[in-house]
Amino acid sequence: MTTIPPTEFEAAKAWRFKRGLTMEELSQQIGYSVPAVSWFERGLVPPIEVGRKPKPVSPRAWHRYKMLCSAVEYKLRQPNAKEFQW
């Protein structure tokens, strides 16, 4: 499995700070929980069982998270843009 460099996770957190978004605000916009945003910014997935170690986030999950954040970026840059329609 491909590993994601730690700089990616640091960049995600820096992006959120630069945009003035709290974890709560980002979570509301992307539909992920606040703890999920926190885990993503650390590059980890929480352990399923108590006492186990967290696992690295998968490239597939990371891609999905980045796509959601890119939609937020677009909305921040184009606040008057019409909502996406199928």
PDB file of N, CA and C in Angstrom:
ATOM      1  N   MET A   1       0.839  -1.178   0.000  1.00  0.00           N
ATOM      2  CA  MET A   1       0.000   0.000   0.000  1.00  0.00           C
ATOM      3  C   MET A   1       0.892   1.251   0.000  1.00  0.00           C
ATOM      4  N   THR A   2       0.498   2.226  -0.748  1.00  0.00           N
ATOM      5  CA  THR A   2       1.227   3.487  -0.833  1.00  0.00           C
ATOM      6  C   THR A   2       1.064   4.267   0.464  1.00  0.00           C
ATOM      7  N   THR A   3       2.164   4.820   0.931  1.00  0.00           N
ATOM      8  CA  THR A   3       2.074   5.653   2.134  1.00  0.00           C
ATOM      9  C   THR A   3       2.026   7.121   1.726  1.00  0.00           C
ATOM     10  N   ILE A   4       1.347   7.883   2.500  1.00  0.00           N
ATOM     11  CA  ILE A   4       1.187   9.309   2.246  1.00  0.00           C
ATOM     12  C   ILE A   4       2.213  10.042   3.101  1.00  0.00           C
ATOM     13  N   PRO A   5       2.988  10.940   2.496  1.00  0.00           N
ATOM     14  CA  PRO A   5       4.001  11.646   3.290  1.00  0.00           C
ATOM     15  C   PRO A   5       3.360  12.528   4.368  1.00  0.00           C
ATOM     16  N   PRO A   6       3.988  12.598   5.542  1.00  0.00           N
ATOM     17  CA  PRO A   6       3.447  13.409   6.644  1.00  0.00           C
ATOM     18  C   PRO A   6       3.213  14.870   6.254  1.00  0.00           C
ATOM     19  N   THR A   7       3.979  15.370   5.297  1.00  0.00           N
ATOM     20  CA  THR A   7       3.793  16.765   4.892  1.00  0.00           C
ATOM     21  C   THR A   7       2.405  17.012   4.326  1.00  0.00           C
ATOM     22  N   GLU A   8       1.764  15.976   3.769  1.00  0.00           N
ATOM     23  CA  GLU A   8       0.397  16.118   3.254  1.00  0.00           C
ATOM     24  C   GLU A   8      -0.574  16.478   4.386  1.00  0.00           C
ATOM     25  N   PHE A   9      -0.425  15.811   5.503  1.00  0.00           N
ATOM     26  CA  PHE A   9      -1.330  16.041   6.629  1.00  0.00           C
ATOM     27  C   PHE A   9      -1.085  17.407   7.253  1.00  0.00           C
ATOM     28  N   GLU A  10       0.181  17.772   7.325  1.00  0.00           N
ATOM     29  CA  GLU A  10       0.535  19.105   7.830  1.00  0.00           C
ATOM     30  C   GLU A  10      -0.031  20.180   6.908  1.00  0.00           C
ATOM     31  N   ALA A  11       0.031  19.932   5.605  1.00  0.00           N
ATOM     32  CA  ALA A  11      -0.504  20.892   4.629  1.00  0.00           C
ATOM     33  C   ALA A  11      -2.015  21.028   4.766  1.00  0.00           C
ATOM     34  N   ALA A  12      -2.693  19.930   5.056  1.00  0.00           N
ATOM     35  CA  ALA A  12      -4.153  19.976   5.227  1.00  0.00           C
ATOM     36  C   ALA A  12      -4.529  20.859   6.413  1.00  0.00           C
ATOM     37  N   LYS A  13      -3.814  20.688   7.495  1.00  0.00           N
ATOM     38  CA  LYS A  13      -4.077  21.501   8.690  1.00  0.00           C
ATOM     39  C   LYS A  13      -3.750  22.966   8.426  1.00  0.00           C
ATOM     40  N   ALA A  14      -2.614  23.217   7.757  1.00  0.00           N
ATOM     41  CA  ALA A  14      -2.221  24.596   7.428  1.00  0.00           C
ATOM     42  C   ALA A  14      -3.244  25.242   6.507  1.00  0.00           C
ATOM     43  N   TRP A  15      -3.775  24.468   5.543  1.00  0.00           N
ATOM     44  CA  TRP A  15      -4.810  24.982   4.635  1.00  0.00           C
ATOM     45  C   TRP A  15      -6.034  25.439   5.431  1.00  0.00           C
ATOM     46  N   ARG A  16      -6.461  24.592   6.376  1.00  0.00           N
ATOM     47  CA  ARG A  16      -7.636  24.934   7.175  1.00  0.00           C
ATOM     48  C   ARG A  16      -7.397  26.205   7.977  1.00  0.00           C
ATOM     49  N   PHE A  17      -6.229  26.313   8.598  1.00  0.00           N
ATOM     50  CA  PHE A  17      -5.899  27.520   9.361  1.00  0.00           C
ATOM     51  C   PHE A  17      -5.856  28.748   8.460  1.00  0.00           C
ATOM     52  N   LYS A  18      -5.230  28.605   7.307  1.00  0.00           N
ATOM     53  CA  LYS A  18      -5.109  29.728   6.368  1.00  0.00           C
ATOM     54  C   LYS A  18      -6.478  30.229   5.911  1.00  0.00           C
ATOM     55  N   ARG A  19      -7.421  29.320   5.794  1.00  0.00           N
ATOM     56  CA  ARG A  19      -8.776  29.690   5.376  1.00  0.00           C
ATOM     57  C   ARG A  19      -9.631  30.169   6.543  1.00  0.00           C
ATOM     58  N   GLY A  20      -9.077  30.137   7.743  1.00  0.00           N
ATOM     59  CA  GLY A  20      -9.802  30.609   8.926  1.00  0.00           C
ATOM     60  C   GLY A  20     -10.926  29.686   9.343  1.00  0.00           C
ATOM     61  N   LEU A  21     -10.797  28.410   9.025  1.00  0.00           N
ATOM     62  CA  LEU A  21     -11.836  27.440   9.368  1.00  0.00           C
ATOM     63  C   LEU A  21     -11.476  26.685  10.639  1.00  0.00           C
ATOM     64  N   THR A  22     -12.439  26.535  11.504  1.00  0.00           N
ATOM     65  CA  THR A  22     -12.253  25.663  12.659  1.00  0.00           C
ATOM     66  C   THR A  22     -12.552  24.236  12.205  1.00  0.00           C
ATOM     67  N   MET A  23     -12.182  23.282  13.023  1.00  0.00           N
ATOM     68  CA  MET A  23     -12.526  21.892  12.707  1.00  0.00           C
ATOM     69  C   MET A  23     -14.042  21.728  12.630  1.00  0.00           C
ATOM     70  N   GLU A  24     -14.738  22.428  13.500  1.00  0.00           N
ATOM     71  CA  GLU A  24     -16.202  22.349  13.508  1.00  0.00           C
ATOM     72  C   GLU A  24     -16.787  22.879  12.196  1.00  0.00           C
ATOM     73  N   GLU A  25     -16.282  24.011  11.733  1.00  0.00           N
ATOM     74  CA  GLU A  25     -16.793  24.593  10.489  1.00  0.00           C
ATOM     75  C   GLU A  25     -16.502  23.692   9.296  1.00  0.00           C
ATOM     76  N   LEU A  26     -15.279  23.168   9.235  1.00  0.00           N
ATOM     77  CA  LEU A  26     -14.942  22.277   8.128  1.00  0.00           C
ATOM     78  C   LEU A  26     -15.789  21.014   8.185  1.00  0.00           C
ATOM     79  N   SER A  27     -15.953  20.470   9.361  1.00  0.00           N
ATOM     80  CA  SER A  27     -16.734  19.233   9.482  1.00  0.00           C
ATOM     81  C   SER A  27     -18.173  19.442   9.023  1.00  0.00           C
ATOM     82  N   GLN A  28     -18.745  20.593   9.320  1.00  0.00           N
ATOM     83  CA  GLN A  28     -20.113  20.879   8.873  1.00  0.00           C
ATOM     84  C   GLN A  28     -20.196  20.961   7.356  1.00  0.00           C
ATOM     85  N   GLN A  29     -19.159  21.495   6.740  1.00  0.00           N
ATOM     86  CA  GLN A  29     -19.183  21.667   5.290  1.00  0.00           C
ATOM     87  C   GLN A  29     -18.916  20.379   4.523  1.00  0.00           C
ATOM     88  N   ILE A  30     -18.121  19.475   5.089  1.00  0.00           N
ATOM     89  CA  ILE A  30     -17.785  18.261   4.352  1.00  0.00           C
ATOM     90  C   ILE A  30     -18.566  17.031   4.813  1.00  0.00           C
ATOM     91  N   GLY A  31     -19.283  17.150   5.921  1.00  0.00           N
ATOM     92  CA  GLY A  31     -20.092  16.028   6.390  1.00  0.00           C
ATOM     93  C   GLY A  31     -19.328  14.979   7.180  1.00  0.00           C
ATOM     94  N   TYR A  32     -18.125  15.307   7.615  1.00  0.00           N
ATOM     95  CA  TYR A  32     -17.356  14.417   8.484  1.00  0.00           C
ATOM     96  C   TYR A  32     -17.439  14.976   9.899  1.00  0.00           C
ATOM     97  N   SER A  33     -17.271  14.128  10.881  1.00  0.00           N
ATOM     98  CA  SER A  33     -17.297  14.585  12.265  1.00  0.00           C
ATOM     99  C   SER A  33     -16.031  15.367  12.597  1.00  0.00           C
ATOM    100  N   VAL A  34     -16.093  16.136  13.678  1.00  0.00           N
ATOM    101  CA  VAL A  34     -14.918  16.870  14.142  1.00  0.00           C
ATOM    102  C   VAL A  34     -13.779  15.903  14.482  1.00  0.00           C
ATOM    103  N   PRO A  35     -14.053  14.799  15.188  1.00  0.00           N
ATOM    104  CA  PRO A  35     -12.961  13.860  15.441  1.00  0.00           C
ATOM    105  C   PRO A  35     -12.357  13.292  14.144  1.00  0.00           C
ATOM    106  N   ALA A  36     -13.180  13.070  13.136  1.00  0.00           N
ATOM    107  CA  ALA A  36     -12.656  12.557  11.859  1.00  0.00           C
ATOM    108  C   ALA A  36     -11.696  13.564  11.232  1.00  0.00           C
ATOM    109  N   VAL A  37     -12.056  14.851  11.255  1.00  0.00           N
ATOM    110  CA  VAL A  37     -11.170  15.887  10.720  1.00  0.00           C
ATOM    111  C   VAL A  37      -9.856  15.872  11.495  1.00  0.00           C
ATOM    112  N   SER A  38      -9.925  15.764  12.791  1.00  0.00           N
ATOM    113  CA  SER A  38      -8.733  15.722  13.629  1.00  0.00           C
ATOM    114  C   SER A  38      -7.850  14.528  13.268  1.00  0.00           C
ATOM    115  N   TRP A  39      -8.449  13.361  13.113  1.00  0.00           N
ATOM    116  CA  TRP A  39      -7.689  12.172  12.744  1.00  0.00           C
ATOM    117  C   TRP A  39      -7.056  12.342  11.372  1.00  0.00           C
ATOM    118  N   PHE A  40      -7.792  12.875  10.403  1.00  0.00           N
ATOM    119  CA  PHE A  40      -7.237  13.078   9.066  1.00  0.00           C
ATOM    120  C   PHE A  40      -6.031  14.011   9.112  1.00  0.00           C
ATOM    121  N   GLU A  41      -6.120  15.071   9.895  1.00  0.00           N
ATOM    122  CA  GLU A  41      -5.011  16.022   9.981  1.00  0.00           C
ATOM    123  C   GLU A  41      -3.780  15.409  10.641  1.00  0.00           C
ATOM    124  N   ARG A  42      -3.952  14.296  11.314  1.00  0.00           N
ATOM    125  CA  ARG A  42      -2.823  13.573  11.890  1.00  0.00           C
ATOM    126  C   ARG A  42      -2.398  12.406  11.001  1.00  0.00           C
ATOM    127  N   GLY A  43      -3.181  12.166   9.939  1.00  0.00           N
ATOM    128  CA  GLY A  43      -2.849  11.084   9.014  1.00  0.00           C
ATOM    129  C   GLY A  43      -3.167   9.706   9.549  1.00  0.00           C
ATOM    130  N   LEU A  44      -4.123   9.642  10.453  1.00  0.00           N
ATOM    131  CA  LEU A  44      -4.433   8.381  11.115  1.00  0.00           C
ATOM    132  C   LEU A  44      -5.924   8.062  11.056  1.00  0.00           C
ATOM    133  N   VAL A  45      -6.197   6.787  11.263  1.00  0.00           N
ATOM    134  CA  VAL A  45      -7.567   6.290  11.416  1.00  0.00           C
ATOM    135  C   VAL A  45      -7.647   5.753  12.834  1.00  0.00           C
ATOM    136  N   PRO A  46      -8.698   6.078  13.577  1.00  0.00           N
ATOM    137  CA  PRO A  46      -8.760   5.618  14.969  1.00  0.00           C
ATOM    138  C   PRO A  46      -8.820   4.091  15.051  1.00  0.00           C
ATOM    139  N   PRO A  47      -8.293   3.551  16.139  1.00  0.00           N
ATOM    140  CA  PRO A  47      -8.345   2.094  16.299  1.00  0.00           C
ATOM    141  C   PRO A  47      -9.785   1.620  16.495  1.00  0.00           C
ATOM    142  N   ILE A  48     -10.061   0.451  15.991  1.00  0.00           N
ATOM    143  CA  ILE A  48     -11.405  -0.124  16.122  1.00  0.00           C
ATOM    144  C   ILE A  48     -11.621  -0.670  17.525  1.00  0.00           C
ATOM    145  N   GLU A  49     -10.562  -1.207  18.101  1.00  0.00           N
ATOM    146  CA  GLU A  49     -10.666  -1.799  19.426  1.00  0.00           C
ATOM    147  C   GLU A  49      -9.828  -1.011  20.426  1.00  0.00           C
ATOM    148  N   VAL A  50     -10.285  -0.981  21.656  1.00  0.00           N
ATOM    149  CA  VAL A  50      -9.550  -0.314  22.723  1.00  0.00           C
ATOM    150  C   VAL A  50      -8.213  -1.027  22.918  1.00  0.00           C
ATOM    151  N   GLY A  51      -7.167  -0.240  23.097  1.00  0.00           N
ATOM    152  CA  GLY A  51      -5.858  -0.802  23.337  1.00  0.00           C
ATOM    153  C   GLY A  51      -5.047  -1.051  22.072  1.00  0.00           C
ATOM    154  N   ARG A  52      -5.657  -0.896  20.917  1.00  0.00           N
ATOM    155  CA  ARG A  52      -4.925  -1.075  19.653  1.00  0.00           C
ATOM    156  C   ARG A  52      -4.417   0.268  19.170  1.00  0.00           C
ATOM    157  N   LYS A  53      -3.426   0.242  18.313  1.00  0.00           N
ATOM    158  CA  LYS A  53      -2.841   1.473  17.795  1.00  0.00           C
ATOM    159  C   LYS A  53      -3.627   1.970  16.584  1.00  0.00           C
ATOM    160  N   PRO A  54      -3.655   3.300  16.387  1.00  0.00           N
ATOM    161  CA  PRO A  54      -4.289   3.834  15.182  1.00  0.00           C
ATOM    162  C   PRO A  54      -3.507   3.407  13.945  1.00  0.00           C
ATOM    163  N   LYS A  55      -4.198   3.325  12.810  1.00  0.00           N
ATOM    164  CA  LYS A  55      -3.560   2.950  11.547  1.00  0.00           C
ATOM    165  C   LYS A  55      -3.400   4.187  10.675  1.00  0.00           C
ATOM    166  N   PRO A  56      -2.451   4.136   9.741  1.00  0.00           N
ATOM    167  CA  PRO A  56      -2.326   5.251   8.796  1.00  0.00           C
ATOM    168  C   PRO A  56      -3.567   5.335   7.911  1.00  0.00           C
ATOM    169  N   VAL A  57      -3.940   6.545   7.543  1.00  0.00           N
ATOM    170  CA  VAL A  57      -5.086   6.734   6.660  1.00  0.00           C
ATOM    171  C   VAL A  57      -4.747   6.153   5.284  1.00  0.00           C
ATOM    172  N   SER A  58      -5.715   5.524   4.651  1.00  0.00           N
ATOM    173  CA  SER A  58      -5.476   4.913   3.345  1.00  0.00           C
ATOM    174  C   SER A  58      -5.448   5.978   2.254  1.00  0.00           C
ATOM    175  N   PRO A  59      -4.733   5.724   1.180  1.00  0.00           N
ATOM    176  CA  PRO A  59      -4.718   6.679   0.069  1.00  0.00           C
ATOM    177  C   PRO A  59      -6.125   6.962  -0.478  1.00  0.00           C
ATOM    178  N   ARG A  60      -6.960   5.955  -0.500  1.00  0.00           N
ATOM    179  CA  ARG A  60      -8.332   6.140  -0.998  1.00  0.00           C
ATOM    180  C   ARG A  60      -9.128   7.094  -0.105  1.00  0.00           C
ATOM    181  N   ALA A  61      -9.050   6.888   1.196  1.00  0.00           N
ATOM    182  CA  ALA A  61      -9.755   7.775   2.132  1.00  0.00           C
ATOM    183  C   ALA A  61      -9.165   9.181   2.077  1.00  0.00           C
ATOM    184  N   TRP A  62      -7.841   9.271   1.952  1.00  0.00           N
ATOM    185  CA  TRP A  62      -7.193  10.582   1.875  1.00  0.00           C
ATOM    186  C   TRP A  62      -7.643  11.329   0.620  1.00  0.00           C
ATOM    187  N   HIS A  63      -7.746  10.623  -0.495  1.00  0.00           N
ATOM    188  CA  HIS A  63      -8.202  11.237  -1.740  1.00  0.00           C
ATOM    189  C   HIS A  63      -9.622  11.795  -1.577  1.00  0.00           C
ATOM    190  N   ARG A  64     -10.488  11.020  -0.953  1.00  0.00           N
ATOM    191  CA  ARG A  64     -11.871  11.456  -0.721  1.00  0.00           C
ATOM    192  C   ARG A  64     -11.898  12.720   0.149  1.00  0.00           C
ATOM    193  N   TYR A  65     -11.077  12.742   1.193  1.00  0.00           N
ATOM    194  CA  TYR A  65     -11.001  13.904   2.082  1.00  0.00           C
ATOM    195  C   TYR A  65     -10.511  15.138   1.322  1.00  0.00           C
ATOM    196  N   LYS A  66      -9.478  14.945   0.492  1.00  0.00           N
ATOM    197  CA  LYS A  66      -8.948  16.065  -0.304  1.00  0.00           C
ATOM    198  C   LYS A  66      -9.993  16.598  -1.286  1.00  0.00           C
ATOM    199  N   MET A  67     -10.762  15.707  -1.877  1.00  0.00           N
ATOM    200  CA  MET A  67     -11.799  16.136  -2.818  1.00  0.00           C
ATOM    201  C   MET A  67     -12.850  16.985  -2.094  1.00  0.00           C
ATOM    202  N   LEU A  68     -13.225  16.584  -0.904  1.00  0.00           N
ATOM    203  CA  LEU A  68     -14.186  17.364  -0.123  1.00  0.00           C
ATOM    204  C   LEU A  68     -13.619  18.733   0.233  1.00  0.00           C
ATOM    205  N   CYS A  69     -12.359  18.764   0.629  1.00  0.00           N
ATOM    206  CA  CYS A  69     -11.726  20.042   0.963  1.00  0.00           C
ATOM    207  C   CYS A  69     -11.588  20.925  -0.272  1.00  0.00           C
ATOM    208  N   SER A  70     -11.381  20.329  -1.435  1.00  0.00           N
ATOM    209  CA  SER A  70     -11.285  21.131  -2.657  1.00  0.00           C
ATOM    210  C   SER A  70     -12.628  21.778  -2.984  1.00  0.00           C
ATOM    211  N   ALA A  71     -13.719  21.100  -2.667  1.00  0.00           N
ATOM    212  CA  ALA A  71     -15.046  21.694  -2.867  1.00  0.00           C
ATOM    213  C   ALA A  71     -15.243  22.887  -1.931  1.00  0.00           C
ATOM    214  N   VAL A  72     -14.759  22.769  -0.708  1.00  0.00           N
ATOM    215  CA  VAL A  72     -14.830  23.883   0.243  1.00  0.00           C
ATOM    216  C   VAL A  72     -13.994  25.044  -0.272  1.00  0.00           C
ATOM    217  N   GLU A  73     -12.806  24.753  -0.781  1.00  0.00           N
ATOM    218  CA  GLU A  73     -11.938  25.794  -1.337  1.00  0.00           C
ATOM    219  C   GLU A  73     -12.644  26.532  -2.476  1.00  0.00           C
ATOM    220  N   TYR A  74     -13.287  25.786  -3.360  1.00  0.00           N
ATOM    221  CA  TYR A  74     -14.008  26.394  -4.468  1.00  0.00           C
ATOM    222  C   TYR A  74     -15.108  27.322  -3.944  1.00  0.00           C
ATOM    223  N   LYS A  75     -15.851  26.844  -2.969  1.00  0.00           N
ATOM    224  CA  LYS A  75     -16.944  27.644  -2.411  1.00  0.00           C
ATOM    225  C   LYS A  75     -16.414  28.910  -1.734  1.00  0.00           C
ATOM    226  N   LEU A  76     -15.261  28.814  -1.086  1.00  0.00           N
ATOM    227  CA  LEU A  76     -14.670  29.999  -0.450  1.00  0.00           C
ATOM    228  C   LEU A  76     -14.218  31.018  -1.501  1.00  0.00           C
ATOM    229  N   ARG A  77     -13.726  30.521  -2.621  1.00  0.00           N
ATOM    230  CA  ARG A  77     -13.259  31.422  -3.685  1.00  0.00           C
ATOM    231  C   ARG A  77     -14.399  31.971  -4.529  1.00  0.00           C
ATOM    232  N   GLN A  78     -15.473  31.218  -4.613  1.00  0.00           N
ATOM    233  CA  GLN A  78     -16.629  31.610  -5.424  1.00  0.00           C
ATOM    234  C   GLN A  78     -17.888  31.613  -4.554  1.00  0.00           C
ATOM    235  N   PRO A  79     -17.994  32.548  -3.613  1.00  0.00           N
ATOM    236  CA  PRO A  79     -19.118  32.504  -2.669  1.00  0.00           C
ATOM    237  C   PRO A  79     -20.488  32.660  -3.327  1.00  0.00           C
ATOM    238  N   ASN A  80     -20.539  33.244  -4.511  1.00  0.00           N
ATOM    239  CA  ASN A  80     -21.824  33.436  -5.187  1.00  0.00           C
ATOM    240  C   ASN A  80     -22.112  32.363  -6.225  1.00  0.00           C
ATOM    241  N   ALA A  81     -21.268  31.341  -6.278  1.00  0.00           N
ATOM    242  CA  ALA A  81     -21.474  30.270  -7.249  1.00  0.00           C
ATOM    243  C   ALA A  81     -22.747  29.505  -6.914  1.00  0.00           C
ATOM    244  N   LYS A  82     -23.422  29.088  -7.960  1.00  0.00           N
ATOM    245  CA  LYS A  82     -24.637  28.294  -7.767  1.00  0.00           C
ATOM    246  C   LYS A  82     -24.272  26.925  -7.208  1.00  0.00           C
ATOM    247  N   GLU A  83     -25.189  26.361  -6.433  1.00  0.00           N
ATOM    248  CA  GLU A  83     -24.956  25.043  -5.895  1.00  0.00           C
ATOM    249  C   GLU A  83     -24.902  24.024  -7.027  1.00  0.00           C
ATOM    250  N   PHE A  84     -24.040  23.047  -6.893  1.00  0.00           N
ATOM    251  CA  PHE A  84     -23.891  22.008  -7.913  1.00  0.00           C
ATOM    252  C   PHE A  84     -25.206  21.284  -8.130  1.00  0.00           C
ATOM    253  N   GLN A  85     -25.549  21.071  -9.375  1.00  0.00           N
ATOM    254  CA  GLN A  85     -26.762  20.338  -9.747  1.00  0.00           C
ATOM    255  C   GLN A  85     -26.377  19.160 -10.629  1.00  0.00           C
ATOM    256  N   TRP A  86     -27.055  18.069 -10.474  1.00  0.00           N
ATOM    257  CA  TRP A  86     -26.791  16.892 -11.312  1.00  0.00           C
ATOM    258  C   TRP A  86     -27.277  17.124 -12.709  1.00  0.00           C
TER     259      TRP A  86
END
